[in-house]
Amino acid sequence: MATTSECEKKQKNMIITRNTTVKEILEEAPNAVEIFAKHGVDVPVSCDDSVHGCELEVCDSMCRIDDLDALIVDLQKFFDSSTKSTS
């Protein structure tokens, strides 16, 4: 089991792109569901396991993301702010 500091190290390296999967994001930061919700996607309710393995670019059409580029920017800001607060 990863310690908190190991999880923090992972978050420091997280770069969000169109090729990042929902699963990768949620494994690193489960509370990132809040960012998805702000962009019109209720991950726990709307996304089954098959969607979790998809890249954000694919999820865009499946999940009706309001604005994929804005979601990526907000997710990156979320991870960047998590890194700053744990440094």
C-alpha atoms as a PDB file:
ATOM      1  CA  MET A   1       0.000   0.000   0.000  1.00  0.00           C
ATOM      2  CA  ALA A   2       1.341   3.435  -0.960  1.00  0.00           C
ATOM      3  CA  THR A   3       2.106   5.899   1.775  1.00  0.00           C
ATOM      4  CA  THR A   4       0.858   9.471   1.630  1.00  0.00           C
ATOM      5  CA  SER A   5       4.261  10.747   0.553  1.00  0.00           C
ATOM      6  CA  GLU A   6       4.382   8.165  -2.259  1.00  0.00           C
ATOM      7  CA  CYS A   7       0.951   9.327  -3.452  1.00  0.00           C
ATOM      8  CA  GLU A   8       2.093  12.934  -3.324  1.00  0.00           C
ATOM      9  CA  LYS A   9       5.119  12.069  -5.457  1.00  0.00           C
ATOM     10  CA  LYS A  10       2.835  10.502  -8.060  1.00  0.00           C
ATOM     11  CA  GLN A  11       0.654  13.607  -8.149  1.00  0.00           C
ATOM     12  CA  LYS A  12       3.689  15.807  -8.756  1.00  0.00           C
ATOM     13  CA  ASN A  13       4.328  13.942 -12.007  1.00  0.00           C
ATOM     14  CA  MET A  14       0.719  13.938 -13.264  1.00  0.00           C
ATOM     15  CA  ILE A  15       0.373  15.697 -16.595  1.00  0.00           C
ATOM     16  CA  ILE A  16      -3.168  15.752 -17.966  1.00  0.00           C
ATOM     17  CA  THR A  17      -3.571  15.373 -21.725  1.00  0.00           C
ATOM     18  CA  ARG A  18      -6.278  14.222 -24.107  1.00  0.00           C
ATOM     19  CA  ASN A  19      -4.649  10.770 -23.832  1.00  0.00           C
ATOM     20  CA  THR A  20      -4.894  10.540 -20.035  1.00  0.00           C
ATOM     21  CA  THR A  21      -7.549   8.058 -18.910  1.00  0.00           C
ATOM     22  CA  VAL A  22     -10.249   8.736 -16.363  1.00  0.00           C
ATOM     23  CA  LYS A  23      -8.895   5.793 -14.368  1.00  0.00           C
ATOM     24  CA  GLU A  24      -5.379   7.279 -14.220  1.00  0.00           C
ATOM     25  CA  ILE A  25      -6.784  10.553 -12.944  1.00  0.00           C
ATOM     26  CA  LEU A  26      -9.029   8.983 -10.322  1.00  0.00           C
ATOM     27  CA  GLU A  27      -6.336   6.585  -9.114  1.00  0.00           C
ATOM     28  CA  GLU A  28      -4.080   9.578  -8.437  1.00  0.00           C
ATOM     29  CA  ALA A  29      -6.802  11.787  -6.950  1.00  0.00           C
ATOM     30  CA  PRO A  30     -10.241  10.292  -6.334  1.00  0.00           C
ATOM     31  CA  ASN A  31     -11.613  13.700  -5.375  1.00  0.00           C
ATOM     32  CA  ALA A  32     -10.976  14.894  -8.949  1.00  0.00           C
ATOM     33  CA  VAL A  33     -14.572  13.758  -9.569  1.00  0.00           C
ATOM     34  CA  GLU A  34     -15.482  17.267  -8.392  1.00  0.00           C
ATOM     35  CA  ILE A  35     -13.633  18.743 -11.387  1.00  0.00           C
ATOM     36  CA  PHE A  36     -15.447  16.400 -13.774  1.00  0.00           C
ATOM     37  CA  ALA A  37     -18.769  17.418 -12.174  1.00  0.00           C
ATOM     38  CA  LYS A  38     -18.040  21.089 -12.841  1.00  0.00           C
ATOM     39  CA  HIS A  39     -17.816  20.149 -16.516  1.00  0.00           C
ATOM     40  CA  GLY A  40     -21.106  18.267 -16.641  1.00  0.00           C
ATOM     41  CA  VAL A  41     -19.902  14.727 -15.963  1.00  0.00           C
ATOM     42  CA  ASP A  42     -21.050  12.838 -12.853  1.00  0.00           C
ATOM     43  CA  VAL A  43     -18.342  10.170 -12.959  1.00  0.00           C
ATOM     44  CA  PRO A  44     -19.671   7.931 -10.154  1.00  0.00           C
ATOM     45  CA  VAL A  45     -23.172   7.856 -11.675  1.00  0.00           C
ATOM     46  CA  SER A  46     -22.617   8.280 -15.412  1.00  0.00           C
ATOM     47  CA  CYS A  47     -19.403   6.369 -16.070  1.00  0.00           C
ATOM     48  CA  ASP A  48     -19.095   2.612 -15.841  1.00  0.00           C
ATOM     49  CA  ASP A  49     -15.763   0.794 -15.664  1.00  0.00           C
ATOM     50  CA  SER A  50     -15.434   0.653 -19.447  1.00  0.00           C
ATOM     51  CA  VAL A  51     -15.433   4.460 -19.584  1.00  0.00           C
ATOM     52  CA  HIS A  52     -12.819   4.708 -16.832  1.00  0.00           C
ATOM     53  CA  GLY A  53     -10.295   3.018 -19.089  1.00  0.00           C
ATOM     54  CA  CYS A  54     -10.924   5.447 -21.938  1.00  0.00           C
ATOM     55  CA  GLU A  55      -8.800   8.424 -22.786  1.00  0.00           C
ATOM     56  CA  LEU A  56     -10.348  11.828 -22.113  1.00  0.00           C
ATOM     57  CA  GLU A  57     -10.546  12.460 -25.846  1.00  0.00           C
ATOM     58  CA  VAL A  58     -12.755   9.379 -26.280  1.00  0.00           C
ATOM     59  CA  CYS A  59     -14.818  10.214 -23.194  1.00  0.00           C
ATOM     60  CA  ASP A  60     -15.596  13.623 -24.657  1.00  0.00           C
ATOM     61  CA  SER A  61     -18.174  12.170 -27.032  1.00  0.00           C
ATOM     62  CA  MET A  62     -19.352   9.382 -24.716  1.00  0.00           C
ATOM     63  CA  CYS A  63     -19.877  11.513 -21.616  1.00  0.00           C
ATOM     64  CA  ARG A  64     -20.883  14.811 -23.190  1.00  0.00           C
ATOM     65  CA  ILE A  65     -18.140  16.835 -21.549  1.00  0.00           C
ATOM     66  CA  ASP A  66     -19.040  20.536 -21.803  1.00  0.00           C
ATOM     67  CA  ASP A  67     -15.579  21.638 -22.966  1.00  0.00           C
ATOM     68  CA  LEU A  68     -12.775  19.069 -23.099  1.00  0.00           C
ATOM     69  CA  ASP A  69      -9.962  21.620 -23.281  1.00  0.00           C
ATOM     70  CA  ALA A  70     -11.335  23.498 -20.253  1.00  0.00           C
ATOM     71  CA  LEU A  71     -11.667  20.197 -18.348  1.00  0.00           C
ATOM     72  CA  ILE A  72      -8.024  19.353 -19.082  1.00  0.00           C
ATOM     73  CA  VAL A  73      -6.908  22.817 -17.945  1.00  0.00           C
ATOM     74  CA  ASP A  74      -8.937  22.565 -14.726  1.00  0.00           C
ATOM     75  CA  LEU A  75      -7.689  19.047 -13.986  1.00  0.00           C
ATOM     76  CA  GLN A  76      -4.101  20.180 -14.498  1.00  0.00           C
ATOM     77  CA  LYS A  77      -4.676  23.171 -12.191  1.00  0.00           C
ATOM     78  CA  PHE A  78      -6.155  20.775  -9.628  1.00  0.00           C
ATOM     79  CA  PHE A  79      -3.094  18.532  -9.744  1.00  0.00           C
ATOM     80  CA  ASP A  80      -0.709  21.480  -9.761  1.00  0.00           C
ATOM     81  CA  SER A  81      -2.420  23.011  -6.711  1.00  0.00           C
ATOM     82  CA  SER A  82      -2.333  19.635  -4.938  1.00  0.00           C
ATOM     83  CA  THR A  83       1.406  19.518  -5.563  1.00  0.00           C
ATOM     84  CA  LYS A  84       1.944  23.022  -4.171  1.00  0.00           C
ATOM     85  CA  SER A  85      -0.077  22.340  -1.044  1.00  0.00           C
ATOM     86  CA  THR A  86       1.859  19.123  -0.320  1.00  0.00           C
ATOM     87  CA  SER A  87       5.333  20.579  -0.969  1.00  0.00           C
END
